[in-house]
C-alpha atoms as a PDB file:
ATOM      1  CA  MET A   1    -138.852  26.125  20.251  1.00  0.00           C
ATOM      2  CA  LYS A   2    -142.369  25.389  18.983  1.00  0.00           C
ATOM      3  CA  THR A   3    -142.218  28.409  16.667  1.00  0.00           C
ATOM      4  CA  SER A   4    -138.861  27.278  15.281  1.00  0.00           C
ATOM      5  CA  ILE A   5    -140.277  23.820  14.552  1.00  0.00           C
ATOM      6  CA  ARG A   6    -143.210  25.405  12.767  1.00  0.00           C
ATOM      7  CA  VAL A   7    -140.870  27.536  10.673  1.00  0.00           C
ATOM      8  CA  VAL A   8    -138.886  24.464   9.581  1.00  0.00           C
ATOM      9  CA  LEU A   9    -142.047  22.505   8.827  1.00  0.00           C
ATOM     10  CA  PHE A  10    -143.472  25.422   6.901  1.00  0.00           C
ATOM     11  CA  ALA A  11    -140.309  25.658   4.803  1.00  0.00           C
ATOM     12  CA  LEU A  12    -140.504  21.953   4.015  1.00  0.00           C
ATOM     13  CA  ILE A  13    -144.165  22.304   3.040  1.00  0.00           C
ATOM     14  CA  THR A  14    -143.330  25.146   0.677  1.00  0.00           C
ATOM     15  CA  ALA A  15    -140.597  23.061  -0.950  1.00  0.00           C
ATOM     16  CA  LEU A  16    -142.906  20.064  -1.292  1.00  0.00           C
ATOM     17  CA  ILE A  17    -145.611  22.183  -2.904  1.00  0.00           C
ATOM     18  CA  ALA A  18    -143.113  23.507  -5.421  1.00  0.00           C
ATOM     19  CA  LEU A  19    -141.947  19.947  -6.044  1.00  0.00           C
ATOM     20  CA  LEU A  20    -145.479  18.706  -6.652  1.00  0.00           C
ATOM     21  CA  GLN A  21    -145.814  21.212  -9.486  1.00  0.00           C
ATOM     22  CA  LEU A  22    -142.988  19.514 -11.394  1.00  0.00           C
ATOM     23  CA  PRO A  23    -143.984  17.017 -14.086  1.00  0.00           C
ATOM     24  CA  ILE A  24    -141.194  14.763 -12.895  1.00  0.00           C
ATOM     25  CA  TRP A  25    -143.247  13.943  -9.791  1.00  0.00           C
ATOM     26  CA  ALA A  26    -145.653  11.776 -11.724  1.00  0.00           C
ATOM     27  CA  ALA A  27    -143.057   9.416 -13.125  1.00  0.00           C
ATOM     28  CA  GLY A  28    -139.910   8.738 -11.193  1.00  0.00           C
ATOM     29  CA  PRO A  29    -137.372   6.531 -12.943  1.00  0.00           C
ATOM     30  CA  ASP A  30    -134.666   5.030 -10.817  1.00  0.00           C
ATOM     31  CA  LEU A  31    -130.940   5.646 -10.923  1.00  0.00           C
ATOM     32  CA  SER A  32    -128.759   2.728  -9.881  1.00  0.00           C
ATOM     33  CA  LEU A  33    -125.432   3.391  -8.215  1.00  0.00           C
ATOM     34  CA  LEU A  34    -122.776   0.766  -7.563  1.00  0.00           C
ATOM     35  CA  THR A  35    -120.126   1.010  -4.883  1.00  0.00           C
ATOM     36  CA  GLY A  36    -117.480  -1.462  -3.873  1.00  0.00           C
ATOM     37  CA  GLY A  37    -113.926  -2.666  -4.305  1.00  0.00           C
ATOM     38  CA  SER A  38    -112.105  -4.115  -7.240  1.00  0.00           C
ATOM     39  CA  GLU A  39    -113.942  -7.425  -7.139  1.00  0.00           C
ATOM     40  CA  ALA A  40    -117.403  -7.575  -8.672  1.00  0.00           C
ATOM     41  CA  ALA A  41    -118.645  -9.786  -5.845  1.00  0.00           C
ATOM     42  CA  SER A  42    -118.057  -7.067  -3.258  1.00  0.00           C
ATOM     43  CA  GLU A  43    -120.073  -4.405  -5.105  1.00  0.00           C
ATOM     44  CA  GLN A  44    -123.295  -3.118  -3.557  1.00  0.00           C
ATOM     45  CA  GLY A  45    -126.218  -1.491  -5.408  1.00  0.00           C
ATOM     46  CA  TYR A  46    -128.225   1.569  -4.357  1.00  0.00           C
ATOM     47  CA  THR A  47    -131.307   2.957  -6.057  1.00  0.00           C
ATOM     48  CA  ILE A  48    -132.106   6.681  -6.006  1.00  0.00           C
ATOM     49  CA  THR A  49    -135.309   7.952  -7.606  1.00  0.00           C
ATOM     50  CA  ILE A  50    -135.482  11.118  -9.618  1.00  0.00           C
ATOM     51  CA  GLN A  51    -138.119  12.339  -7.151  1.00  0.00           C
ATOM     52  CA  ILE A  52    -135.582  12.384  -4.321  1.00  0.00           C
ATOM     53  CA  LEU A  53    -133.052  14.190  -6.488  1.00  0.00           C
ATOM     54  CA  ALA A  54    -135.677  16.760  -7.435  1.00  0.00           C
ATOM     55  CA  LEU A  55    -136.645  17.197  -3.777  1.00  0.00           C
ATOM     56  CA  MET A  56    -133.052  17.841  -2.745  1.00  0.00           C
ATOM     57  CA  THR A  57    -132.785  20.415  -5.526  1.00  0.00           C
ATOM     58  CA  VAL A  58    -135.968  22.184  -4.418  1.00  0.00           C
ATOM     59  CA  LEU A  59    -134.738  22.277  -0.821  1.00  0.00           C
ATOM     60  CA  THR A  60    -131.957  24.629  -1.926  1.00  0.00           C
ATOM     61  CA  LEU A  61    -134.665  27.139  -2.883  1.00  0.00           C
ATOM     62  CA  ILE A  62    -136.175  27.209   0.613  1.00  0.00           C
ATOM     63  CA  PRO A  63    -134.411  30.440   1.718  1.00  0.00           C
ATOM     64  CA  ALA A  64    -135.636  32.322  -1.351  1.00  0.00           C
ATOM     65  CA  LEU A  65    -139.164  30.936  -1.003  1.00  0.00           C
ATOM     66  CA  VAL A  66    -139.411  31.779   2.678  1.00  0.00           C
ATOM     67  CA  LEU A  67    -137.916  35.270   2.315  1.00  0.00           C
ATOM     68  CA  MET A  68    -140.100  36.208  -0.663  1.00  0.00           C
ATOM     69  CA  MET A  69    -143.357  34.848   0.805  1.00  0.00           C
ATOM     70  CA  THR A  70    -143.145  36.297   4.313  1.00  0.00           C
ATOM     71  CA  SER A  71    -142.772  39.693   5.968  1.00  0.00           C
ATOM     72  CA  PHE A  72    -138.965  39.591   5.769  1.00  0.00           C
ATOM     73  CA  THR A  73    -138.677  41.734   2.621  1.00  0.00           C
ATOM     74  CA  ARG A  74    -140.450  44.766   4.064  1.00  0.00           C
ATOM     75  CA  ILE A  75    -138.600  44.588   7.377  1.00  0.00           C
ATOM     76  CA  ILE A  76    -135.061  44.311   6.001  1.00  0.00           C
ATOM     77  CA  ILE A  77    -135.620  47.140   3.489  1.00  0.00           C
ATOM     78  CA  VAL A  78    -136.988  49.502   6.156  1.00  0.00           C
ATOM     79  CA  LEU A  79    -134.092  48.746   8.494  1.00  0.00           C
ATOM     80  CA  SER A  80    -131.578  49.326   5.704  1.00  0.00           C
ATOM     81  CA  ILE A  81    -133.177  52.666   4.813  1.00  0.00           C
ATOM     82  CA  LEU A  82    -133.125  53.654   8.486  1.00  0.00           C
ATOM     83  CA  ARG A  83    -129.387  52.975   8.662  1.00  0.00           C
ATOM     84  CA  GLN A  84    -128.791  55.148   5.622  1.00  0.00           C
ATOM     85  CA  ALA A  85    -130.977  57.921   7.055  1.00  0.00           C
ATOM     86  CA  LEU A  86    -128.999  57.907  10.283  1.00  0.00           C
ATOM     87  CA  GLY A  87    -125.736  58.006   8.335  1.00  0.00           C
ATOM     88  CA  THR A  88    -124.069  55.417  10.546  1.00  0.00           C
ATOM     89  CA  ALA A  89    -122.463  53.530   7.625  1.00  0.00           C
ATOM     90  CA  GLN A  90    -122.187  49.893   8.824  1.00  0.00           C
ATOM     91  CA  THR A  91    -123.806  50.365  12.233  1.00  0.00           C
ATOM     92  CA  PRO A  92    -125.802  48.267  12.991  1.00  0.00           C
ATOM     93  CA  PRO A  93    -123.924  45.665  10.920  1.00  0.00           C
ATOM     94  CA  ASN A  94    -125.646  43.559   8.298  1.00  0.00           C
ATOM     95  CA  GLN A  95    -125.657  40.495  10.548  1.00  0.00           C
ATOM     96  CA  VAL A  96    -127.629  42.365  13.203  1.00  0.00           C
ATOM     97  CA  LEU A  97    -130.152  43.698  10.694  1.00  0.00           C
ATOM     98  CA  VAL A  98    -130.700  40.284   9.099  1.00  0.00           C
ATOM     99  CA  GLY A  99    -130.977  38.561  12.485  1.00  0.00           C
ATOM    100  CA  LEU A 100    -133.450  41.150  13.768  1.00  0.00           C
ATOM    101  CA  SER A 101    -135.465  40.875  10.563  1.00  0.00           C
ATOM    102  CA  LEU A 102    -135.604  37.080  10.813  1.00  0.00           C
ATOM    103  CA  PHE A 103    -136.781  37.023  14.415  1.00  0.00           C
ATOM    104  CA  LEU A 104    -139.309  39.799  13.815  1.00  0.00           C
ATOM    105  CA  THR A 105    -140.530  37.810  10.810  1.00  0.00           C
ATOM    106  CA  MET A 106    -140.974  34.746  13.026  1.00  0.00           C
ATOM    107  CA  PHE A 107    -142.938  36.880  15.501  1.00  0.00           C
ATOM    108  CA  ILE A 108    -145.223  38.306  12.804  1.00  0.00           C
ATOM    109  CA  MET A 109    -145.691  35.023  10.930  1.00  0.00           C
ATOM    110  CA  SER A 110    -146.281  32.857  14.009  1.00  0.00           C
ATOM    111  CA  PRO A 111    -150.124  33.060  13.757  1.00  0.00           C
ATOM    112  CA  VAL A 112    -149.968  32.107  10.071  1.00  0.00           C
ATOM    113  CA  LEU A 113    -147.561  29.231  10.718  1.00  0.00           C
ATOM    114  CA  GLY A 114    -149.700  28.125  13.642  1.00  0.00           C
ATOM    115  CA  ARG A 115    -152.789  27.854  11.451  1.00  0.00           C
ATOM    116  CA  ALA A 116    -150.797  26.038   8.770  1.00  0.00           C
ATOM    117  CA  TYR A 117    -149.600  23.552  11.372  1.00  0.00           C
ATOM    118  CA  ASP A 118    -153.064  23.026  12.838  1.00  0.00           C
ATOM    119  CA  VAL A 119    -154.951  22.504   9.565  1.00  0.00           C
ATOM    120  CA  GLY A 120    -152.304  20.723   7.512  1.00  0.00           C
ATOM    121  CA  ILE A 121    -149.262  19.312   9.254  1.00  0.00           C
ATOM    122  CA  GLU A 122    -150.845  17.997  12.436  1.00  0.00           C
ATOM    123  CA  PRO A 123    -153.714  16.159  10.646  1.00  0.00           C
ATOM    124  CA  TYR A 124    -151.165  14.616   8.265  1.00  0.00           C
ATOM    125  CA  MET A 125    -148.951  13.459  11.130  1.00  0.00           C
ATOM    126  CA  ASN A 126    -151.994  11.966  12.851  1.00  0.00           C
ATOM    127  CA  GLY A 127    -152.996  10.087   9.700  1.00  0.00           C
ATOM    128  CA  GLU A 128    -156.184  12.102   9.195  1.00  0.00           C
ATOM    129  CA  LEU A 129    -155.178  13.605   5.827  1.00  0.00           C
ATOM    130  CA  ALA A 130    -153.173  12.378   2.874  1.00  0.00           C
ATOM    131  CA  ALA A 131    -150.070  14.225   1.719  1.00  0.00           C
ATOM    132  CA  GLN A 132    -151.620  16.219  -1.130  1.00  0.00           C
ATOM    133  CA  PRO A 133    -154.702  17.496   0.810  1.00  0.00           C
ATOM    134  CA  ALA A 134    -152.491  18.277   3.802  1.00  0.00           C
ATOM    135  CA  LEU A 135    -150.138  20.369   1.678  1.00  0.00           C
ATOM    136  CA  GLU A 136    -153.019  22.263   0.093  1.00  0.00           C
ATOM    137  CA  ALA A 137    -154.572  22.927   3.507  1.00  0.00           C
ATOM    138  CA  ALA A 138    -151.263  24.103   4.957  1.00  0.00           C
ATOM    139  CA  ILE A 139    -150.600  26.576   2.135  1.00  0.00           C
ATOM    140  CA  ASN A 140    -153.996  28.285   2.452  1.00  0.00           C
ATOM    141  CA  PRO A 141    -153.059  30.413   5.534  1.00  0.00           C
ATOM    142  CA  LEU A 142    -149.966  31.644   3.686  1.00  0.00           C
ATOM    143  CA  ARG A 143    -152.067  32.527   0.637  1.00  0.00           C
ATOM    144  CA  GLU A 144    -154.458  34.490   2.842  1.00  0.00           C
ATOM    145  CA  PHE A 145    -151.522  36.347   4.397  1.00  0.00           C
ATOM    146  CA  MET A 146    -150.034  37.312   1.026  1.00  0.00           C
ATOM    147  CA  LEU A 147    -153.423  38.324  -0.379  1.00  0.00           C
ATOM    148  CA  GLY A 148    -153.978  40.540   2.661  1.00  0.00           C
ATOM    149  CA  GLN A 149    -150.758  42.461   1.983  1.00  0.00           C
ATOM    150  CA  THR A 150    -151.013  42.618  -1.824  1.00  0.00           C
ATOM    151  CA  ARG A 151    -152.492  45.637  -3.574  1.00  0.00           C
ATOM    152  CA  GLU A 152    -155.271  44.927  -6.039  1.00  0.00           C
ATOM    153  CA  THR A 153    -153.535  46.982  -8.726  1.00  0.00           C
ATOM    154  CA  ASP A 154    -150.372  44.880  -8.469  1.00  0.00           C
ATOM    155  CA  LEU A 155    -152.378  41.664  -8.550  1.00  0.00           C
ATOM    156  CA  GLU A 156    -154.358  42.805 -11.587  1.00  0.00           C
ATOM    157  CA  MET A 157    -151.149  43.849 -13.346  1.00  0.00           C
ATOM    158  CA  PHE A 158    -149.534  40.411 -13.030  1.00  0.00           C
ATOM    159  CA  VAL A 159    -152.778  38.664 -13.961  1.00  0.00           C
ATOM    160  CA  SER A 160    -152.949  40.746 -17.138  1.00  0.00           C
ATOM    161  CA  LEU A 161    -149.273  40.072 -17.868  1.00  0.00           C
ATOM    162  CA  ALA A 162    -149.918  36.346 -17.498  1.00  0.00           C
ATOM    163  CA  LYS A 163    -152.936  36.683 -19.847  1.00  0.00           C
ATOM    164  CA  ARG A 164    -155.104  34.613 -17.537  1.00  0.00           C
ATOM    165  CA  ASP A 165    -158.790  35.122 -18.307  1.00  0.00           C
ATOM    166  CA  ASP A 166    -159.925  32.212 -16.161  1.00  0.00           C
ATOM    167  CA  ILE A 167    -159.221  33.980 -12.833  1.00  0.00           C
ATOM    168  CA  GLU A 168    -162.471  35.355 -11.445  1.00  0.00           C
ATOM    169  CA  SER A 169    -161.430  36.229  -7.876  1.00  0.00           C
ATOM    170  CA  ALA A 170    -158.329  36.639  -5.741  1.00  0.00           C
ATOM    171  CA  VAL A 171    -158.829  33.150  -4.319  1.00  0.00           C
ATOM    172  CA  ASP A 172    -158.219  31.646  -7.747  1.00  0.00           C
ATOM    173  CA  VAL A 173    -154.864  33.395  -8.240  1.00  0.00           C
ATOM    174  CA  PRO A 174    -152.032  30.813  -8.492  1.00  0.00           C
ATOM    175  CA  ILE A 175    -148.878  31.058  -6.428  1.00  0.00           C
ATOM    176  CA  SER A 176    -146.796  31.866  -9.511  1.00  0.00           C
ATOM    177  CA  ILE A 177    -148.745  35.128  -9.919  1.00  0.00           C
ATOM    178  CA  LEU A 178    -149.409  35.873  -6.265  1.00  0.00           C
ATOM    179  CA  VAL A 179    -145.749  35.830  -5.174  1.00  0.00           C
ATOM    180  CA  PRO A 180    -144.436  38.531  -7.585  1.00  0.00           C
ATOM    181  CA  ALA A 181    -147.497  40.689  -6.893  1.00  0.00           C
ATOM    182  CA  PHE A 182    -146.916  40.295  -3.158  1.00  0.00           C
ATOM    183  CA  VAL A 183    -143.219  41.197  -3.433  1.00  0.00           C
ATOM    184  CA  THR A 184    -144.042  44.264  -5.547  1.00  0.00           C
ATOM    185  CA  SER A 185    -146.530  45.477  -2.949  1.00  0.00           C
ATOM    186  CA  GLU A 186    -144.031  44.854  -0.176  1.00  0.00           C
ATOM    187  CA  LEU A 187    -141.408  46.941  -1.964  1.00  0.00           C
ATOM    188  CA  LYS A 188    -143.861  49.826  -2.351  1.00  0.00           C
ATOM    189  CA  THR A 189    -144.885  49.699   1.306  1.00  0.00           C
ATOM    190  CA  ALA A 190    -141.277  49.446   2.490  1.00  0.00           C
ATOM    191  CA  PHE A 191    -140.248  52.516   0.492  1.00  0.00           C
ATOM    192  CA  GLN A 192    -143.244  54.465   1.787  1.00  0.00           C
ATOM    193  CA  ILE A 193    -142.244  53.723   5.377  1.00  0.00           C
ATOM    194  CA  GLY A 194    -138.620  54.522   4.544  1.00  0.00           C
ATOM    195  CA  PHE A 195    -139.630  57.894   3.082  1.00  0.00           C
ATOM    196  CA  LEU A 196    -141.400  58.837   6.307  1.00  0.00           C
ATOM    197  CA  LEU A 197    -138.328  57.769   8.291  1.00  0.00           C
ATOM    198  CA  PHE A 198    -136.008  59.884   6.152  1.00  0.00           C
ATOM    199  CA  ILE A 199    -137.867  63.201   6.558  1.00  0.00           C
ATOM    200  CA  PRO A 200    -136.832  64.160  10.154  1.00  0.00           C
ATOM    201  CA  PHE A 201    -133.201  63.179   9.571  1.00  0.00           C
ATOM    202  CA  VAL A 202    -133.031  65.173   6.333  1.00  0.00           C
ATOM    203  CA  ILE A 203    -134.388  68.205   8.186  1.00  0.00           C
ATOM    204  CA  ILE A 204    -131.606  67.854  10.773  1.00  0.00           C
ATOM    205  CA  ASP A 205    -129.011  67.626   7.989  1.00  0.00           C
ATOM    206  CA  LEU A 206    -130.384  70.767   6.343  1.00  0.00           C
ATOM    207  CA  VAL A 207    -130.415  72.744   9.599  1.00  0.00           C
ATOM    208  CA  VAL A 208    -126.859  71.697  10.471  1.00  0.00           C
ATOM    209  CA  ALA A 209    -125.590  72.410   6.947  1.00  0.00           C
ATOM    210  CA  SER A 210    -127.167  75.881   6.857  1.00  0.00           C
ATOM    211  CA  THR A 211    -125.825  76.675  10.344  1.00  0.00           C
ATOM    212  CA  LEU A 212    -122.284  75.668   9.410  1.00  0.00           C
ATOM    213  CA  MET A 213    -122.548  77.661   6.179  1.00  0.00           C
ATOM    214  CA  SER A 214    -123.649  80.791   8.061  1.00  0.00           C
ATOM    215  CA  MET A 215    -120.755  80.374  10.505  1.00  0.00           C
ATOM    216  CA  GLY A 216    -118.269  80.078   7.654  1.00  0.00           C
ATOM    217  CA  MET A 217    -117.276  76.537   8.618  1.00  0.00           C
ATOM    218  CA  MET A 218    -117.560  75.171   5.099  1.00  0.00           C
ATOM    219  CA  MET A 219    -114.644  72.754   5.506  1.00  0.00           C
ATOM    220  CA  LEU A 220    -116.423  70.864   8.305  1.00  0.00           C
ATOM    221  CA  SER A 221    -118.588  67.969   7.131  1.00  0.00           C
ATOM    222  CA  PRO A 222    -122.294  68.533   7.985  1.00  0.00           C
ATOM    223  CA  MET A 223    -122.814  64.753   8.206  1.00  0.00           C
ATOM    224  CA  LEU A 224    -120.215  64.516  10.961  1.00  0.00           C
ATOM    225  CA  VAL A 225    -121.903  67.249  13.015  1.00  0.00           C
ATOM    226  CA  SER A 226    -125.491  66.097  12.427  1.00  0.00           C
ATOM    227  CA  LEU A 227    -124.836  62.453  13.323  1.00  0.00           C
ATOM    228  CA  PRO A 228    -124.885  62.967  17.134  1.00  0.00           C
ATOM    229  CA  PHE A 229    -128.093  65.015  16.856  1.00  0.00           C
ATOM    230  CA  LYS A 230    -129.794  62.338  14.757  1.00  0.00           C
ATOM    231  CA  LEU A 231    -128.745  59.614  17.181  1.00  0.00           C
ATOM    232  CA  MET A 232    -129.953  61.691  20.129  1.00  0.00           C
ATOM    233  CA  LEU A 233    -133.312  62.313  18.447  1.00  0.00           C
ATOM    234  CA  PHE A 234    -133.746  58.645  17.602  1.00  0.00           C
ATOM    235  CA  VAL A 235    -132.949  57.574  21.160  1.00  0.00           C
ATOM    236  CA  LEU A 236    -135.101  60.239  22.840  1.00  0.00           C
ATOM    237  CA  VAL A 237    -138.219  59.264  20.910  1.00  0.00           C
ATOM    238  CA  ASP A 238    -137.518  55.562  21.589  1.00  0.00           C
ATOM    239  CA  GLY A 239    -137.105  54.997  17.880  1.00  0.00           C
ATOM    240  CA  TRP A 240    -136.410  51.272  17.914  1.00  0.00           C
ATOM    241  CA  ALA A 241    -139.568  50.485  19.871  1.00  0.00           C
ATOM    242  CA  LEU A 242    -141.654  52.746  17.628  1.00  0.00           C
ATOM    243  CA  LEU A 243    -140.166  51.219  14.487  1.00  0.00           C
ATOM    244  CA  MET A 244    -140.660  47.622  15.619  1.00  0.00           C
ATOM    245  CA  SER A 245    -144.271  48.287  16.656  1.00  0.00           C
ATOM    246  CA  THR A 246    -144.968  50.094  13.385  1.00  0.00           C
ATOM    247  CA  LEU A 247    -143.536  47.286  11.296  1.00  0.00           C
ATOM    248  CA  ALA A 248    -145.391  44.599  13.226  1.00  0.00           C
ATOM    249  CA  GLY A 249    -148.640  46.571  13.081  1.00  0.00           C
ATOM    250  CA  SER A 250    -148.351  47.263   9.334  1.00  0.00           C
ATOM    251  CA  PHE A 251    -149.197  43.654   8.477  1.00  0.00           C
ATOM    252  CA  PHE A 252    -152.833  42.613   8.256  1.00  0.00           C
ATOM    253  CA  ILE A 253    -153.041  39.185   9.939  1.00  0.00           C
END
């Protein structure tokens, strides 16, 4: 329950940080709404600031922000590649893969969210920090996590594309550059792990296909025959436990 609360708070922090980057935050004109019946005397007025409207708009981006700034991308890609390597079509279903990826992401990100809560959210709730310093303190653990997973070549590529000559170290990299570099590195790592997963299953497919060819059973699908052998191999080596431990251990936290 505590981890779930931290995840929600972390998502809200991310949305608030994105909102603070908008120029509309500095000046918030009011919008007046009137509700009531046919008589003017019964009408009531409500005032909604542009800041609140902008915040509600940014909240819709929370899923994309959380998925692209955490370990979710690598996990879901590896699990999808594993399903294709096994040749089990829609087994496990997409709902199972996404749910497993989300909970494994919560497990991996719990130390990062814990530090963000301790240095930013808790001091703000206790009145020790103002909103802006609290948000900056809470985002620092996430920046350290993304920098730890991002390749230097990817980071340098996006810095050069942005034509930023004022960035002297990785600490000075803004979120707008760090996030695409982080996602690019995650895609590379996920495909590397997926390649290693594919090799033993491809070997089984080749052996089964050559055996059926030598027996003259060319009308029988090799995928249909190799599927039980691939499932048996994956179960005998305790594949799910090995995969989960490998994914969790591949992140530098």
